C-alpha atoms as a PDB file:
ATOM      1  CA  MET A   1      11.824  -4.035  -7.495  1.00  0.00           C
ATOM      2  CA  ILE A   2      11.676  -0.500  -6.124  1.00  0.00           C
ATOM      3  CA  GLU A   3      14.819   1.569  -5.713  1.00  0.00           C
ATOM      4  CA  LEU A   4      15.337   4.948  -4.051  1.00  0.00           C
ATOM      5  CA  ASP A   5      18.539   6.732  -5.007  1.00  0.00           C
ATOM      6  CA  HIS A   6      19.571   9.655  -2.766  1.00  0.00           C
ATOM      7  CA  VAL A   7      15.953  10.699  -2.286  1.00  0.00           C
ATOM      8  CA  THR A   8      15.117  13.880  -0.372  1.00  0.00           C
ATOM      9  CA  VAL A   9      11.645  15.313   0.195  1.00  0.00           C
ATOM     10  CA  ARG A  10      11.004  18.769   1.644  1.00  0.00           C
ATOM     11  CA  PHE A  11       7.869  20.541   2.767  1.00  0.00           C
ATOM     12  CA  GLN A  12       8.454  24.290   2.813  1.00  0.00           C
ATOM     13  CA  ASP A  13      11.625  24.639   4.921  1.00  0.00           C
ATOM     14  CA  ARG A  14      11.353  21.212   6.599  1.00  0.00           C
ATOM     15  CA  ILE A  15      13.136  18.083   5.376  1.00  0.00           C
ATOM     16  CA  ILE A  16      10.713  15.143   5.566  1.00  0.00           C
ATOM     17  CA  LEU A  17      13.025  12.492   4.091  1.00  0.00           C
ATOM     18  CA  ASP A  18      16.753  13.059   3.916  1.00  0.00           C
ATOM     19  CA  ASP A  19      19.011  11.461   1.274  1.00  0.00           C
ATOM     20  CA  ILE A  20      17.568   7.941   1.385  1.00  0.00           C
ATOM     21  CA  SER A  21      19.074   5.239  -0.830  1.00  0.00           C
ATOM     22  CA  ILE A  22      17.538   1.777  -0.540  1.00  0.00           C
ATOM     23  CA  SER A  23      16.412  -1.200  -2.634  1.00  0.00           C
ATOM     24  CA  LEU A  24      13.114  -2.943  -1.836  1.00  0.00           C
ATOM     25  CA  THR A  25      13.234  -6.481  -3.154  1.00  0.00           C
ATOM     26  CA  GLU A  26      11.683  -8.725  -0.504  1.00  0.00           C
ATOM     27  CA  HIS A  27       8.206 -10.206  -0.871  1.00  0.00           C
ATOM     28  CA  ARG A  28       6.831  -8.716   2.371  1.00  0.00           C
ATOM     29  CA  ILE A  29       8.213  -5.432   3.728  1.00  0.00           C
ATOM     30  CA  GLY A  30       6.879  -3.465   6.686  1.00  0.00           C
ATOM     31  CA  VAL A  31       7.518   0.209   7.373  1.00  0.00           C
ATOM     32  CA  ILE A  32       7.141   1.578  10.901  1.00  0.00           C
ATOM     33  CA  GLY A  33       7.963   4.788  12.746  1.00  0.00           C
ATOM     34  CA  ASP A  34       6.571   7.508  14.944  1.00  0.00           C
ATOM     35  CA  ASN A  35       3.794   9.829  13.783  1.00  0.00           C
ATOM     36  CA  GLY A  36       5.351  12.508  11.610  1.00  0.00           C
ATOM     37  CA  SER A  37       8.452  10.425  10.940  1.00  0.00           C
ATOM     38  CA  GLY A  38       7.915  10.489   7.169  1.00  0.00           C
ATOM     39  CA  LYS A  39       6.677   6.920   6.638  1.00  0.00           C
ATOM     40  CA  SER A  40       3.508   7.959   4.748  1.00  0.00           C
ATOM     41  CA  THR A  41       5.630  10.275   2.604  1.00  0.00           C
ATOM     42  CA  PHE A  42       7.915   7.307   1.964  1.00  0.00           C
ATOM     43  CA  ALA A  43       4.918   5.199   0.881  1.00  0.00           C
ATOM     44  CA  ARG A  44       3.654   7.826  -1.550  1.00  0.00           C
ATOM     45  CA  LEU A  45       7.022   7.987  -3.255  1.00  0.00           C
ATOM     46  CA  LEU A  46       6.820   4.328  -4.197  1.00  0.00           C
ATOM     47  CA  ASN A  47       4.167   4.676  -6.898  1.00  0.00           C
ATOM     48  CA  GLY A  48       4.663   8.287  -7.895  1.00  0.00           C
ATOM     49  CA  LEU A  49       1.852   9.826  -5.844  1.00  0.00           C
ATOM     50  CA  LEU A  50       4.632  12.064  -4.565  1.00  0.00           C
ATOM     51  CA  LEU A  51       7.810  12.964  -6.431  1.00  0.00           C
ATOM     52  CA  PRO A  52      11.143  13.556  -4.684  1.00  0.00           C
ATOM     53  CA  ASP A  53      12.679  17.018  -4.552  1.00  0.00           C
ATOM     54  CA  GLN A  54      16.055  15.385  -5.080  1.00  0.00           C
ATOM     55  CA  GLY A  55      17.061  11.914  -6.206  1.00  0.00           C
ATOM     56  CA  ASP A  56      15.175   9.250  -8.108  1.00  0.00           C
ATOM     57  CA  VAL A  57      12.626   6.527  -7.418  1.00  0.00           C
ATOM     58  CA  THR A  58      12.407   3.664  -9.911  1.00  0.00           C
ATOM     59  CA  VAL A  59      10.006   0.733 -10.144  1.00  0.00           C
ATOM     60  CA  ASN A  60      11.237  -2.151 -12.305  1.00  0.00           C
ATOM     61  CA  ASP A  61      13.588   0.400 -13.921  1.00  0.00           C
ATOM     62  CA  PHE A  62      10.761   2.876 -14.661  1.00  0.00           C
ATOM     63  CA  ASP A  63      11.288   6.320 -13.140  1.00  0.00           C
ATOM     64  CA  THR A  64       8.327   7.695 -11.182  1.00  0.00           C
ATOM     65  CA  ARG A  65       9.007  11.167 -12.546  1.00  0.00           C
ATOM     66  CA  ALA A  66       9.389  10.298 -16.232  1.00  0.00           C
ATOM     67  CA  ASP A  67       7.277   7.141 -16.434  1.00  0.00           C
ATOM     68  CA  GLY A  68       4.484   7.811 -13.949  1.00  0.00           C
ATOM     69  CA  LYS A  69       1.722   6.115 -15.927  1.00  0.00           C
ATOM     70  CA  MET A  70       3.757   2.925 -16.340  1.00  0.00           C
ATOM     71  CA  VAL A  71       4.700   2.924 -12.660  1.00  0.00           C
ATOM     72  CA  ARG A  72       1.087   3.300 -11.518  1.00  0.00           C
ATOM     73  CA  SER A  73       0.047   0.428 -13.793  1.00  0.00           C
ATOM     74  CA  GLN A  74       2.435  -1.820 -11.858  1.00  0.00           C
ATOM     75  CA  VAL A  75       2.021  -0.478  -8.319  1.00  0.00           C
ATOM     76  CA  GLY A  76      -1.319  -0.474  -6.527  1.00  0.00           C
ATOM     77  CA  PHE A  77      -1.938   1.777  -3.516  1.00  0.00           C
ATOM     78  CA  LEU A  78      -4.302   1.073  -0.616  1.00  0.00           C
ATOM     79  CA  PHE A  79      -5.121   4.130   1.492  1.00  0.00           C
ATOM     80  CA  GLN A  80      -5.851   4.286   5.201  1.00  0.00           C
ATOM     81  CA  ASN A  81      -9.418   5.485   4.610  1.00  0.00           C
ATOM     82  CA  PRO A  82     -11.349   3.390   2.060  1.00  0.00           C
ATOM     83  CA  ASP A  83     -13.741   6.302   1.439  1.00  0.00           C
ATOM     84  CA  ASN A  84     -10.817   7.930  -0.403  1.00  0.00           C
ATOM     85  CA  GLN A  85     -10.899   5.071  -2.936  1.00  0.00           C
ATOM     86  CA  ILE A  86     -14.539   4.016  -3.248  1.00  0.00           C
ATOM     87  CA  VAL A  87     -16.284   6.386  -5.642  1.00  0.00           C
ATOM     88  CA  MET A  88     -18.996   4.451  -7.480  1.00  0.00           C
ATOM     89  CA  PRO A  89     -22.493   3.640  -6.129  1.00  0.00           C
ATOM     90  CA  THR A  90     -22.240  -0.169  -5.997  1.00  0.00           C
ATOM     91  CA  VAL A  91     -19.418  -2.573  -5.235  1.00  0.00           C
ATOM     92  CA  ALA A  92     -19.420  -4.081  -8.744  1.00  0.00           C
ATOM     93  CA  GLU A  93     -19.353  -0.653 -10.405  1.00  0.00           C
ATOM     94  CA  ASP A  94     -16.499   0.486  -8.207  1.00  0.00           C
ATOM     95  CA  LEU A  95     -14.360  -2.533  -9.038  1.00  0.00           C
ATOM     96  CA  ALA A  96     -15.114  -2.213 -12.750  1.00  0.00           C
ATOM     97  CA  LEU A  97     -14.067   1.440 -12.699  1.00  0.00           C
ATOM     98  CA  GLY A  98     -10.470   0.524 -11.950  1.00  0.00           C
ATOM     99  CA  LEU A  99     -10.363  -1.666 -15.050  1.00  0.00           C
ATOM    100  CA  LYS A 100     -11.354   1.084 -17.499  1.00  0.00           C
ATOM    101  CA  PRO A 101      -7.758   2.193 -18.260  1.00  0.00           C
ATOM    102  CA  LEU A 102      -6.793  -1.401 -19.150  1.00  0.00           C
ATOM    103  CA  ASN A 103      -9.067  -1.508 -22.227  1.00  0.00           C
ATOM    104  CA  LEU A 104     -10.285  -5.009 -21.455  1.00  0.00           C
ATOM    105  CA  SER A 105     -13.273  -6.614 -23.115  1.00  0.00           C
ATOM    106  CA  LYS A 106     -16.554  -6.581 -21.188  1.00  0.00           C
ATOM    107  CA  ASP A 107     -16.270 -10.319 -20.666  1.00  0.00           C
ATOM    108  CA  GLU A 108     -12.765 -10.000 -19.228  1.00  0.00           C
ATOM    109  CA  GLN A 109     -13.843  -7.117 -16.979  1.00  0.00           C
ATOM    110  CA  ALA A 110     -16.748  -9.167 -15.662  1.00  0.00           C
ATOM    111  CA  HIS A 111     -14.484 -12.180 -15.118  1.00  0.00           C
ATOM    112  CA  ARG A 112     -11.962 -10.141 -13.137  1.00  0.00           C
ATOM    113  CA  VAL A 113     -14.644  -8.524 -10.974  1.00  0.00           C
ATOM    114  CA  THR A 114     -16.259 -11.894 -10.225  1.00  0.00           C
ATOM    115  CA  ASP A 115     -12.892 -13.498  -9.501  1.00  0.00           C
ATOM    116  CA  VAL A 116     -11.698 -10.825  -7.064  1.00  0.00           C
ATOM    117  CA  LEU A 117     -15.046 -10.734  -5.256  1.00  0.00           C
ATOM    118  CA  GLU A 118     -14.884 -14.490  -4.735  1.00  0.00           C
ATOM    119  CA  ARG A 119     -11.227 -14.336  -3.672  1.00  0.00           C
ATOM    120  CA  PHE A 120     -12.026 -11.873  -0.880  1.00  0.00           C
ATOM    121  CA  ALA A 121     -15.387 -13.484   0.022  1.00  0.00           C
ATOM    122  CA  LEU A 122     -17.304 -10.395  -1.115  1.00  0.00           C
ATOM    123  CA  ALA A 123     -19.584 -11.931  -3.772  1.00  0.00           C
ATOM    124  CA  HIS A 124     -22.656 -11.358  -1.616  1.00  0.00           C
ATOM    125  CA  LEU A 125     -21.968  -7.600  -1.710  1.00  0.00           C
ATOM    126  CA  VAL A 126     -21.759  -7.297  -5.487  1.00  0.00           C
ATOM    127  CA  ASP A 127     -24.848  -5.083  -5.879  1.00  0.00           C
ATOM    128  CA  ARG A 128     -24.752  -3.440  -2.463  1.00  0.00           C
ATOM    129  CA  SER A 129     -24.253   0.298  -2.035  1.00  0.00           C
ATOM    130  CA  ALA A 130     -20.524   0.631  -1.420  1.00  0.00           C
ATOM    131  CA  HIS A 131     -20.966   3.623   0.872  1.00  0.00           C
ATOM    132  CA  LEU A 132     -23.348   1.789   3.224  1.00  0.00           C
ATOM    133  CA  LEU A 133     -20.945  -1.031   4.049  1.00  0.00           C
ATOM    134  CA  SER A 134     -19.246  -1.513   7.409  1.00  0.00           C
ATOM    135  CA  GLY A 135     -15.692  -0.228   7.904  1.00  0.00           C
ATOM    136  CA  GLY A 136     -14.210  -3.685   7.464  1.00  0.00           C
ATOM    137  CA  GLU A 137     -16.263  -4.382   4.353  1.00  0.00           C
ATOM    138  CA  LYS A 138     -15.238  -1.038   2.846  1.00  0.00           C
ATOM    139  CA  GLN A 139     -11.553  -1.750   3.368  1.00  0.00           C
ATOM    140  CA  LEU A 140     -11.937  -5.157   1.751  1.00  0.00           C
ATOM    141  CA  VAL A 141     -13.735  -3.591  -1.213  1.00  0.00           C
ATOM    142  CA  ALA A 142     -10.976  -0.995  -1.500  1.00  0.00           C
ATOM    143  CA  LEU A 143      -8.377  -3.790  -1.433  1.00  0.00           C
ATOM    144  CA  ALA A 144     -10.322  -5.742  -4.064  1.00  0.00           C
ATOM    145  CA  GLY A 145     -10.524  -2.568  -6.163  1.00  0.00           C
ATOM    146  CA  VAL A 146      -6.737  -2.379  -6.203  1.00  0.00           C
ATOM    147  CA  MET A 147      -6.103  -6.080  -6.739  1.00  0.00           C
ATOM    148  CA  VAL A 148      -8.600  -6.399  -9.621  1.00  0.00           C
ATOM    149  CA  THR A 149      -5.991  -4.595 -11.749  1.00  0.00           C
ATOM    150  CA  GLU A 150      -3.435  -7.319 -10.896  1.00  0.00           C
ATOM    151  CA  PRO A 151      -0.543  -5.064  -9.813  1.00  0.00           C
ATOM    152  CA  ASP A 152       3.008  -6.389  -9.422  1.00  0.00           C
ATOM    153  CA  ILE A 153       3.420  -4.452  -6.168  1.00  0.00           C
ATOM    154  CA  LEU A 154       0.923  -3.312  -3.526  1.00  0.00           C
ATOM    155  CA  ILE A 155       1.626  -0.365  -1.208  1.00  0.00           C
ATOM    156  CA  CYS A 156      -0.597  -0.150   1.890  1.00  0.00           C
ATOM    157  CA  ASP A 157      -0.571   3.049   3.946  1.00  0.00           C
ATOM    158  CA  GLU A 158      -1.938   2.309   7.443  1.00  0.00           C
ATOM    159  CA  PRO A 159      -4.604  -0.097   6.084  1.00  0.00           C
ATOM    160  CA  THR A 160      -5.915  -1.142   9.524  1.00  0.00           C
ATOM    161  CA  THR A 161      -5.952   2.142  11.440  1.00  0.00           C
ATOM    162  CA  LEU A 162      -9.731   2.630  11.157  1.00  0.00           C
ATOM    163  CA  LEU A 163     -10.597  -1.023  11.831  1.00  0.00           C
ATOM    164  CA  ASP A 164     -11.325  -2.954  15.014  1.00  0.00           C
ATOM    165  CA  ARG A 165      -8.941  -5.748  16.016  1.00  0.00           C
ATOM    166  CA  ARG A 166     -10.895  -8.555  14.327  1.00  0.00           C
ATOM    167  CA  ASN A 167     -11.243  -6.760  10.996  1.00  0.00           C
ATOM    168  CA  ALA A 168      -7.661  -5.519  11.157  1.00  0.00           C
ATOM    169  CA  THR A 169      -6.378  -9.064  11.622  1.00  0.00           C
ATOM    170  CA  HIS A 170      -8.557 -10.330   8.755  1.00  0.00           C
ATOM    171  CA  VAL A 171      -7.413  -7.606   6.348  1.00  0.00           C
ATOM    172  CA  MET A 172      -3.749  -8.157   7.207  1.00  0.00           C
ATOM    173  CA  ARG A 173      -4.057 -11.921   6.688  1.00  0.00           C
ATOM    174  CA  LEU A 174      -5.495 -11.328   3.232  1.00  0.00           C
ATOM    175  CA  ILE A 175      -2.763  -8.807   2.413  1.00  0.00           C
ATOM    176  CA  ALA A 176      -0.028 -11.145   3.641  1.00  0.00           C
ATOM    177  CA  ASP A 177      -1.335 -13.956   1.394  1.00  0.00           C
ATOM    178  CA  LEU A 178      -1.351 -11.922  -1.825  1.00  0.00           C
ATOM    179  CA  PRO A 179       0.911 -13.171  -4.634  1.00  0.00           C
ATOM    180  CA  CYS A 180       2.406  -9.759  -5.411  1.00  0.00           C
ATOM    181  CA  GLN A 181       5.116  -7.905  -3.497  1.00  0.00           C
ATOM    182  CA  VAL A 182       3.559  -6.051  -0.566  1.00  0.00           C
ATOM    183  CA  ILE A 183       4.885  -3.033   1.341  1.00  0.00           C
ATOM    184  CA  VAL A 184       2.846  -2.103   4.417  1.00  0.00           C
ATOM    185  CA  VAL A 185       3.166   1.111   6.409  1.00  0.00           C
ATOM    186  CA  THR A 186       1.654   0.603   9.846  1.00  0.00           C
ATOM    187  CA  HIS A 187       1.908   1.449  13.521  1.00  0.00           C
ATOM    188  CA  HIS A 188       0.472  -1.977  14.400  1.00  0.00           C
ATOM    189  CA  VAL A 189       3.834  -3.719  14.602  1.00  0.00           C
ATOM    190  CA  GLU A 190       2.238  -7.016  15.669  1.00  0.00           C
ATOM    191  CA  HIS A 191       1.038  -7.499  12.093  1.00  0.00           C
ATOM    192  CA  LEU A 192       4.608  -7.591  10.773  1.00  0.00           C
ATOM    193  CA  ASN A 193       6.080 -10.480  12.744  1.00  0.00           C
ATOM    194  CA  ASP A 194       6.007 -12.834   9.739  1.00  0.00           C
ATOM    195  CA  PHE A 195       7.255 -10.286   7.205  1.00  0.00           C
ATOM    196  CA  ASP A 196      10.603 -10.685   5.459  1.00  0.00           C
ATOM    197  CA  ARG A 197      11.925  -7.231   6.307  1.00  0.00           C
ATOM    198  CA  VAL A 198      10.949  -4.218   8.397  1.00  0.00           C
ATOM    199  CA  LEU A 199      12.214  -0.652   7.964  1.00  0.00           C
ATOM    200  CA  VAL A 200      12.088   1.919  10.744  1.00  0.00           C
ATOM    201  CA  ILE A 201      11.763   5.530   9.586  1.00  0.00           C
ATOM    202  CA  GLY A 202      12.993   8.148  12.039  1.00  0.00           C
ATOM    203  CA  ASN A 203      14.116  11.748  11.647  1.00  0.00           C
ATOM    204  CA  GLY A 204      13.747  11.500   7.888  1.00  0.00           C
ATOM    205  CA  ARG A 205      16.029   8.480   7.526  1.00  0.00           C
ATOM    206  CA  VAL A 206      15.903   4.689   7.682  1.00  0.00           C
ATOM    207  CA  SER A 207      17.151   4.212  11.228  1.00  0.00           C
ATOM    208  CA  HIS A 208      16.833   0.410  11.319  1.00  0.00           C
ATOM    209  CA  ASP A 209      16.516  -2.162   8.558  1.00  0.00           C
ATOM    210  CA  GLY A 210      16.335  -5.920   8.892  1.00  0.00           C
ATOM    211  CA  PRO A 211      14.179  -8.878   9.860  1.00  0.00           C
ATOM    212  CA  PRO A 212      11.214  -8.085  12.124  1.00  0.00           C
ATOM    213  CA  GLN A 213      12.652  -9.969  15.103  1.00  0.00           C
ATOM    214  CA  ASP A 214      15.517  -7.453  15.122  1.00  0.00           C
ATOM    215  CA  THR A 215      14.005  -4.177  13.982  1.00  0.00           C
ATOM    216  CA  ILE A 216      10.694  -4.247  15.877  1.00  0.00           C
ATOM    217  CA  PRO A 217      12.299  -4.664  19.332  1.00  0.00           C
ATOM    218  CA  GLN A 218      14.827  -1.946  18.473  1.00  0.00           C
ATOM    219  CA  TYR A 219      11.985   0.394  17.556  1.00  0.00           C
ATOM    220  CA  LEU A 220       9.931  -0.468  20.640  1.00  0.00           C
ATOM    221  CA  GLU A 221      12.943   0.274  22.836  1.00  0.00           C
ATOM    222  CA  THR A 222      12.924   3.860  21.572  1.00  0.00           C
ATOM    223  CA  LEU A 223       9.320   4.221  22.795  1.00  0.00           C
ATOM    224  CA  ALA A 224      10.029   2.981  26.328  1.00  0.00           C
END
């Protein structure tokens, strides 16, 4: 469970998020809002990539400020651009890199890499150059690179923005079927219809919060 307690984030003299208190407990949570609304800032708070100027963020009772390493071991983060996550020459090497901090045996590392490649239908890419893959393949490799560490929670920040409709739908189906808690920031609201809860971020606050059939229409009305 992730909790935000009176969280405020500022950039220079601008308030990005303003005194937000909220508990995130549902299995599938979407986060939507206009560009510049603060939703990506909100996402980065959830695993300690960004620390609040005021207030506290806790993950399973671990504080992102005091217990950052523990938080990041439990919360995976999928970026919008997979090139920000893929750093090693081949797919297998890139997935194995994420396992280094876990101090697993070589056999266990190999088992996890093989398992996650099969789970995401990527086994045929195991020795391919990661940087020569298509956009959809790269995002799947980036997702596999996060999930190989078996996080309790996955945060996705605009994971389909750079993908065409077919690849975006495929990636979101895989994300929606993951066993861990998933929090997805997106402007593609159609991907959130089956989620348990959707938050709307506006003017630095959570302006709407509830099931997608309520919050998505309320948000779309503000765009009309």
